[in-house]
């Protein structure tokens, strides 16, 4: 759920086991009244309902958000992680607090597109500073997912694509037509990162609801969170002069796209073709393509409601709070029910 980012952010790590196969680890950043025990109970239910590939459940581990003091992973601590790892978000780091404060100013700019105000919270900006939370646990490579996204059968290909500090997906065809963020292509800052034309921007802008940080140490070294803050500072410097702004709509995604663009490999959202050369990023997908989220994730719809409708998150949290150890239903999302599970096209 979009608003559920106020309570949860998830990261997805795929190390190799001793036999050379894949093992899956989740890192869930959570706050509010969702507890690590509830997240673990839900995870046990999910793993019990999945195929044999995910049957090896090594338990849960709970951590406090101890921010990294440098850009090196604490590999010794990685041994303490389990299949599901919860990270309790108590208070924002100085970098995240700065990003939030600048975003609040940007949101209130005259003429700014004010949509989805529920996303104006610290947790929504956590991916900008993901290195602060995962390097202390020894994680060096991770996929970042929205709280309403779950990997589908194409996800391993996406995870393994590599080639840059960040791997991300192009925007949907309809987003090319609507051009939601309305990046200011005449601004030197945009020209230096995304390009000086709408066509160039469409080829480099990407979705932030599912992306892979291939090297968290490099992500920290290039200081993406500082780049996000710098973009926001440019955005708010001349509050009444729209010609000097970098974008018109969007909260977390536009400054992250600008900060990471020169270190990101963009793949076409429906077939994972690298967006370079002759690949048409804004063309329509094949008729058989039906995934409603990104090309590599399912969209979790809670109790049949759309993710942005009022009350959706409250119902999700109520169902999670009502889940006790041993319950045999999946809290909040029916996508792991095998009878209702729909596979995307291969």
Protein backbone atom coordinates (compact mmCIF):
# COMPACT_ATOMS: atom_id res chain seq x y z
CA UNK A 1 0.00 0.00 0.00
CA UNK A 2 1.31 3.40 -0.76
CA UNK A 3 0.33 4.84 2.60
CA UNK A 4 1.64 1.75 4.37
CA UNK A 5 5.11 3.07 3.73
CA UNK A 6 4.46 5.06 6.90
CA UNK A 7 4.69 1.73 8.65
CA UNK A 8 6.80 -0.59 6.51
CA UNK A 9 9.53 -0.58 3.89
CA UNK A 10 10.93 -3.83 2.56
CA UNK A 11 14.23 -4.88 1.10
CA UNK A 12 14.97 -8.17 -0.57
CA UNK A 13 18.39 -9.87 -0.53
CA UNK A 14 19.31 -13.06 -2.42
CA UNK A 15 22.55 -14.68 -1.21
CA UNK A 16 23.74 -18.08 -2.37
CA UNK A 17 23.60 -21.04 -0.02
CA UNK A 18 26.37 -23.65 0.36
CA UNK A 19 24.90 -25.75 -2.47
CA UNK A 20 25.00 -22.86 -4.91
CA UNK A 21 21.22 -22.40 -4.88
CA UNK A 22 19.30 -19.28 -3.93
CA UNK A 23 18.27 -18.29 -0.46
CA UNK A 24 15.96 -15.37 0.13
CA UNK A 25 16.25 -12.84 2.92
CA UNK A 26 13.89 -10.00 3.69
CA UNK A 27 14.75 -6.83 5.58
CA UNK A 28 11.66 -4.96 6.74
CA UNK A 29 12.01 -1.44 8.08
CA UNK A 30 9.00 -0.84 10.31
CA UNK A 31 7.62 1.76 12.70
CA UNK A 32 4.43 2.62 14.53
CA UNK A 33 2.42 -0.15 16.15
CA UNK A 34 3.50 -2.95 13.80
CA UNK A 35 5.80 -5.23 15.80
CA UNK A 36 8.59 -7.54 14.71
CA UNK A 37 6.58 -10.48 16.14
CA UNK A 38 3.61 -9.69 13.89
CA UNK A 39 5.83 -9.39 10.83
CA UNK A 40 7.50 -12.70 11.66
CA UNK A 41 4.14 -14.42 12.18
CA UNK A 42 2.94 -13.18 8.79
CA UNK A 43 6.20 -14.31 7.18
CA UNK A 44 5.85 -17.82 8.64
CA UNK A 45 2.36 -18.06 7.15
CA UNK A 46 3.59 -16.89 3.75
CA UNK A 47 6.53 -19.27 3.66
CA UNK A 48 4.34 -22.19 4.69
CA UNK A 49 2.06 -21.50 1.70
CA UNK A 50 4.73 -21.15 -0.98
CA UNK A 51 6.49 -23.61 -3.26
CA UNK A 52 9.42 -25.79 -2.18
CA UNK A 53 11.88 -23.18 -3.47
CA UNK A 54 10.95 -20.98 -0.51
CA UNK A 55 10.33 -23.76 1.98
CA UNK A 56 13.59 -23.33 3.89
CA UNK A 57 12.61 -20.84 6.57
CA UNK A 58 15.50 -19.99 8.89
CA UNK A 59 13.47 -17.89 11.26
CA UNK A 60 13.33 -14.20 12.11
CA UNK A 61 15.76 -11.72 13.61
CA UNK A 62 14.96 -8.30 15.05
CA UNK A 63 17.34 -5.34 14.95
CA UNK A 64 17.29 -1.71 15.92
CA UNK A 65 18.16 0.83 13.25
CA UNK A 66 21.85 1.37 14.01
CA UNK A 67 23.05 3.65 11.26
CA UNK A 68 26.36 2.99 9.54
CA UNK A 69 29.20 5.33 10.46
CA UNK A 70 31.00 4.65 7.17
CA UNK A 71 30.56 3.03 3.79
CA UNK A 72 31.83 -0.47 4.53
CA UNK A 73 29.54 -3.43 5.24
CA UNK A 74 29.82 -5.12 8.64
CA UNK A 75 30.25 -8.60 7.16
CA UNK A 76 30.78 -10.22 10.56
CA UNK A 77 27.29 -9.20 11.67
CA UNK A 78 25.67 -10.71 8.60
CA UNK A 79 25.87 -14.14 10.26
CA UNK A 80 23.19 -13.00 12.73
CA UNK A 81 20.60 -12.36 9.99
CA UNK A 82 17.81 -14.83 9.23
CA UNK A 83 15.21 -15.31 6.50
CA UNK A 84 13.13 -12.38 7.74
CA UNK A 85 14.86 -9.48 9.46
CA UNK A 86 12.98 -6.60 10.99
CA UNK A 87 14.62 -3.23 11.57
CA UNK A 88 12.89 -1.00 14.07
CA UNK A 89 12.77 2.60 12.84
CA UNK A 90 12.89 4.82 15.93
CA UNK A 91 14.02 8.18 14.62
CA UNK A 92 15.38 9.50 11.31
CA UNK A 93 19.07 10.02 10.71
CA UNK A 94 20.29 13.60 10.13
CA UNK A 95 20.42 12.93 6.39
CA UNK A 96 16.88 11.52 6.29
CA UNK A 97 15.59 14.34 8.48
CA UNK A 98 17.08 16.89 6.06
CA UNK A 99 15.48 15.16 3.07
CA UNK A 100 12.11 15.10 4.81
CA UNK A 101 12.28 18.77 5.80
CA UNK A 102 13.26 19.88 2.29
CA UNK A 103 10.53 17.66 0.80
CA UNK A 104 7.97 19.32 3.06
CA UNK A 105 9.06 22.73 1.78
CA UNK A 106 8.96 21.49 -1.83
CA UNK A 107 5.46 20.06 -1.35
CA UNK A 108 4.18 23.48 -0.26
CA UNK A 109 5.63 25.40 -3.22
CA UNK A 110 3.10 27.54 -5.10
CA UNK A 111 1.74 25.69 -8.13
CA UNK A 112 3.27 22.36 -7.05
CA UNK A 113 1.27 19.23 -7.90
CA UNK A 114 0.01 18.17 -4.45
CA UNK A 115 -0.99 14.53 -4.77
CA UNK A 116 -0.94 11.70 -2.21
CA UNK A 117 -0.09 13.73 0.91
CA UNK A 118 0.02 10.50 2.93
CA UNK A 119 3.46 9.84 1.43
CA UNK A 120 4.95 12.86 3.18
CA UNK A 121 6.64 10.90 5.99
CA UNK A 122 10.14 9.76 6.93
CA UNK A 123 9.59 6.13 5.96
CA UNK A 124 8.70 7.06 2.39
CA UNK A 125 12.20 8.53 1.94
CA UNK A 126 14.05 5.62 3.61
CA UNK A 127 15.34 4.16 0.27
CA UNK A 128 17.37 7.33 -0.23
CA UNK A 129 19.42 6.35 2.84
CA UNK A 130 19.13 2.55 2.62
CA UNK A 131 22.90 2.17 3.04
CA UNK A 132 22.59 3.57 6.59
CA UNK A 133 20.31 0.71 7.65
CA UNK A 134 21.69 -2.31 5.79
CA UNK A 135 25.48 -1.86 5.74
CA UNK A 136 25.58 -2.34 9.55
CA UNK A 137 23.96 -5.76 8.97
CA UNK A 138 26.56 -6.77 6.39
CA UNK A 139 24.25 -6.49 3.36
CA UNK A 140 25.98 -5.31 0.19
CA UNK A 141 23.36 -5.98 -2.49
CA UNK A 142 19.63 -5.53 -2.15
CA UNK A 143 16.38 -4.97 -4.01
CA UNK A 144 14.13 -2.22 -2.68
CA UNK A 145 10.39 -2.77 -2.96
CA UNK A 146 7.33 -0.76 -2.05
CA UNK A 147 5.23 -2.24 0.74
CA UNK A 148 2.61 -3.33 -1.82
CA UNK A 149 5.04 -5.17 -4.12
CA UNK A 150 6.04 -8.84 -4.15
CA UNK A 151 8.55 -10.47 -6.57
CA UNK A 152 7.18 -12.44 -9.54
CA UNK A 153 8.84 -15.02 -11.79
CA UNK A 154 10.76 -12.34 -13.74
CA UNK A 155 12.28 -10.87 -10.61
CA UNK A 156 15.46 -13.05 -10.48
CA UNK A 157 16.42 -11.84 -13.97
CA UNK A 158 15.96 -8.27 -12.82
CA UNK A 159 17.99 -8.89 -9.66
CA UNK A 160 20.85 -10.46 -11.62
CA UNK A 161 21.05 -7.80 -14.36
CA UNK A 162 23.74 -5.71 -12.65
CA UNK A 163 25.91 -3.39 -14.71
CA UNK A 164 25.73 -0.25 -12.54
CA UNK A 165 25.38 0.82 -8.92
CA UNK A 166 21.58 0.77 -9.37
CA UNK A 167 19.37 -1.25 -11.71
CA UNK A 168 15.87 0.12 -12.27
CA UNK A 169 12.86 -0.13 -14.57
CA UNK A 170 11.65 2.39 -17.12
CA UNK A 171 8.35 4.11 -16.59
CA UNK A 172 5.14 2.65 -18.01
CA UNK A 173 4.03 3.72 -21.49
CA UNK A 174 1.16 5.76 -20.03
CA UNK A 175 3.68 7.61 -17.82
CA UNK A 176 5.62 8.58 -20.93
CA UNK A 177 2.46 10.10 -22.40
CA UNK A 178 1.37 11.87 -19.22
CA UNK A 179 4.96 12.72 -18.19
CA UNK A 180 3.87 12.96 -14.57
CA UNK A 181 6.96 14.51 -12.95
CA UNK A 182 7.32 17.19 -15.65
CA UNK A 183 11.09 17.48 -15.28
CA UNK A 184 12.31 20.89 -16.42
CA UNK A 185 14.51 19.91 -19.38
CA UNK A 186 15.71 23.50 -19.78
CA UNK A 187 17.35 23.45 -16.36
CA UNK A 188 21.11 22.66 -16.43
CA UNK A 189 20.72 20.30 -13.44
CA UNK A 190 18.20 18.13 -15.31
CA UNK A 191 20.22 18.29 -18.54
CA UNK A 192 23.32 17.03 -16.73
CA UNK A 193 21.55 14.06 -15.16
CA UNK A 194 18.58 13.01 -17.29
CA UNK A 195 18.97 14.95 -20.53
CA UNK A 196 17.94 18.16 -22.26
CA UNK A 197 14.83 16.83 -24.04
CA UNK A 198 11.65 15.01 -23.06
CA UNK A 199 12.73 12.01 -25.15
CA UNK A 200 16.09 11.84 -23.37
CA UNK A 201 14.45 12.15 -19.95
CA UNK A 202 11.99 9.34 -20.73
CA UNK A 203 14.90 7.04 -21.53
CA UNK A 204 16.66 7.71 -18.22
CA UNK A 205 13.92 8.31 -15.68
CA UNK A 206 12.91 5.21 -13.75
CA UNK A 207 10.47 3.77 -11.27
CA UNK A 208 11.42 3.83 -7.60
CA UNK A 209 8.93 1.19 -6.41
CA UNK A 210 11.24 -1.67 -7.41
CA UNK A 211 14.96 -1.19 -7.92
CA UNK A 212 18.18 -3.05 -7.16
CA UNK A 213 21.15 -1.50 -5.41
CA UNK A 214 23.92 -3.75 -6.73
CA UNK A 215 26.57 -2.38 -4.39
CA UNK A 216 25.48 -0.66 -1.19
CA UNK A 217 29.05 0.41 -0.43
CA UNK A 218 29.26 2.23 -3.76
CA UNK A 219 25.77 3.65 -3.19
CA UNK A 220 27.13 5.08 0.04
CA UNK A 221 30.40 6.24 -1.56
CA UNK A 222 28.63 8.26 -4.24
CA UNK A 223 26.38 9.62 -1.47
CA UNK A 224 22.99 9.25 -3.12
CA UNK A 225 21.22 10.70 -0.07
CA UNK A 226 23.35 13.85 -0.36
CA UNK A 227 22.45 14.02 -4.06
CA UNK A 228 18.76 13.80 -3.14
CA UNK A 229 19.14 16.66 -0.65
CA UNK A 230 21.06 18.73 -3.20
CA UNK A 231 18.31 18.29 -5.80
CA UNK A 232 15.71 19.32 -3.24
CA UNK A 233 17.72 22.42 -2.33
CA UNK A 234 17.76 23.50 -5.96
CA UNK A 235 14.02 22.80 -6.14
CA UNK A 236 13.17 25.12 -3.23
CA UNK A 237 15.75 27.90 -3.71
CA UNK A 238 13.47 30.11 -5.82
CA UNK A 239 10.00 29.30 -4.46
CA UNK A 240 8.07 31.66 -6.75
CA UNK A 241 9.98 31.09 -9.97
CA UNK A 242 8.70 27.89 -11.60
CA UNK A 243 11.24 28.18 -14.41
CA UNK A 244 14.02 27.42 -11.90
CA UNK A 245 12.43 24.29 -10.46
CA UNK A 246 13.60 20.81 -11.43
CA UNK A 247 10.22 19.06 -11.48
CA UNK A 248 6.55 19.84 -10.93
CA UNK A 249 4.99 16.65 -9.49
CA UNK A 250 6.17 13.89 -7.19
CA UNK A 251 7.75 13.54 -3.75
CA UNK A 252 10.32 10.80 -3.26
CA UNK A 253 10.92 9.63 -6.83
CA UNK A 254 12.04 12.77 -8.73
CA UNK A 255 14.98 13.76 -6.48
CA UNK A 256 16.12 10.12 -6.19
CA UNK A 257 16.01 9.75 -9.99
CA UNK A 258 18.09 12.91 -10.39
CA UNK A 259 20.59 11.85 -7.71
CA UNK A 260 21.11 8.31 -9.04
CA UNK A 261 20.58 8.78 -12.80
CA UNK A 262 24.28 8.82 -13.74
CA UNK A 263 24.84 5.58 -11.79
CA UNK A 264 21.72 3.67 -12.91
CA UNK A 265 21.12 1.07 -15.61
CA UNK A 266 17.52 1.35 -16.80
CA UNK A 267 15.73 -1.73 -18.16
CA UNK A 268 12.47 -1.68 -20.13
CA UNK A 269 9.70 -2.42 -17.67
CA UNK A 270 8.05 -5.37 -19.45
CA UNK A 271 10.92 -7.38 -21.00
CA UNK A 272 14.02 -6.11 -19.12
CA UNK A 273 15.76 -5.02 -22.32
CA UNK A 274 18.48 -2.43 -21.50
CA UNK A 275 17.28 1.03 -22.48
CA UNK A 276 20.05 1.99 -24.86
CA UNK A 277 20.59 1.95 -28.60
CA UNK A 278 17.38 1.19 -30.49
CA UNK A 279 15.24 0.00 -27.57
CA UNK A 280 11.96 1.94 -27.58
CA UNK A 281 11.16 2.68 -23.96
CA UNK A 282 7.77 4.35 -24.47
CA UNK A 283 6.21 1.86 -26.88
CA UNK A 284 3.25 -0.30 -25.87
CA UNK A 285 3.92 -3.66 -24.18
CA UNK A 286 2.83 -6.96 -25.77
CA UNK A 287 -0.90 -7.61 -25.58
CA UNK A 288 -0.33 -10.58 -23.25
CA UNK A 289 1.45 -8.44 -20.67
CA UNK A 290 -0.98 -7.94 -17.77
CA UNK A 291 1.09 -7.24 -14.65
CA UNK A 292 -0.31 -4.09 -13.02
CA UNK A 293 2.67 -3.14 -10.86
CA UNK A 294 6.10 -3.15 -12.47
CA UNK A 295 7.22 -5.89 -14.81
CA UNK A 296 8.97 -7.80 -12.02
CA UNK A 297 6.52 -7.57 -9.11
CA UNK A 298 2.93 -8.30 -8.24
CA UNK A 299 0.72 -5.53 -6.93
CA UNK A 300 -0.82 -6.48 -3.61
CA UNK A 301 -4.40 -5.27 -3.37
CA UNK A 302 -5.71 -5.41 0.18
CA UNK A 303 -9.14 -6.95 0.67
CA UNK A 304 -10.02 -6.08 -2.91
CA UNK A 305 -9.45 -2.35 -2.37
CA UNK A 306 -7.15 -0.18 -4.42
CA UNK A 307 -3.99 0.75 -2.55
CA UNK A 308 -4.73 4.48 -2.30
CA UNK A 309 -8.31 4.33 -1.09
CA UNK A 310 -8.92 5.70 2.42
CA UNK A 311 -9.11 3.04 5.09
CA UNK A 312 -7.13 0.45 3.12
CA UNK A 313 -4.08 0.64 5.34
CA UNK A 314 -6.15 0.76 8.51
CA UNK A 315 -7.74 -2.53 7.49
CA UNK A 316 -4.36 -4.04 6.68
CA UNK A 317 -2.96 -3.05 10.07
CA UNK A 318 -6.07 -4.30 11.84
CA UNK A 319 -5.70 -7.68 10.18
CA UNK A 320 -2.00 -7.83 11.03
CA UNK A 321 -2.72 -6.96 14.66
CA UNK A 322 -5.33 -9.72 14.74
CA UNK A 323 -2.84 -12.30 13.50
CA UNK A 324 -1.50 -14.60 16.18
CA UNK A 325 1.20 -17.24 15.91
CA UNK A 326 -0.30 -20.33 14.33
CA UNK A 327 -2.96 -18.51 12.30
CA UNK A 328 -3.37 -20.06 8.85
CA UNK A 329 -4.26 -17.08 6.70
CA UNK A 330 -2.10 -14.44 5.08
CA UNK A 331 -2.65 -11.08 6.79
CA UNK A 332 -3.73 -8.31 4.51
CA UNK A 333 -2.91 -9.69 1.08
CA UNK A 334 -4.37 -12.64 -0.79
CA UNK A 335 -1.58 -12.95 -3.34
CA UNK A 336 -0.03 -15.93 -1.58
CA UNK A 337 -3.28 -17.91 -1.69
CA UNK A 338 -2.47 -20.60 -4.25
CA UNK A 339 -6.07 -20.90 -5.43
CA UNK A 340 -6.16 -17.16 -6.27
CA UNK A 341 -2.54 -16.75 -7.27
CA UNK A 342 -2.00 -15.49 -10.85
CA UNK A 343 1.36 -15.89 -12.51
CA UNK A 344 2.60 -13.16 -14.88
CA UNK A 345 3.66 -14.06 -18.41
CA UNK A 346 7.11 -15.67 -18.56
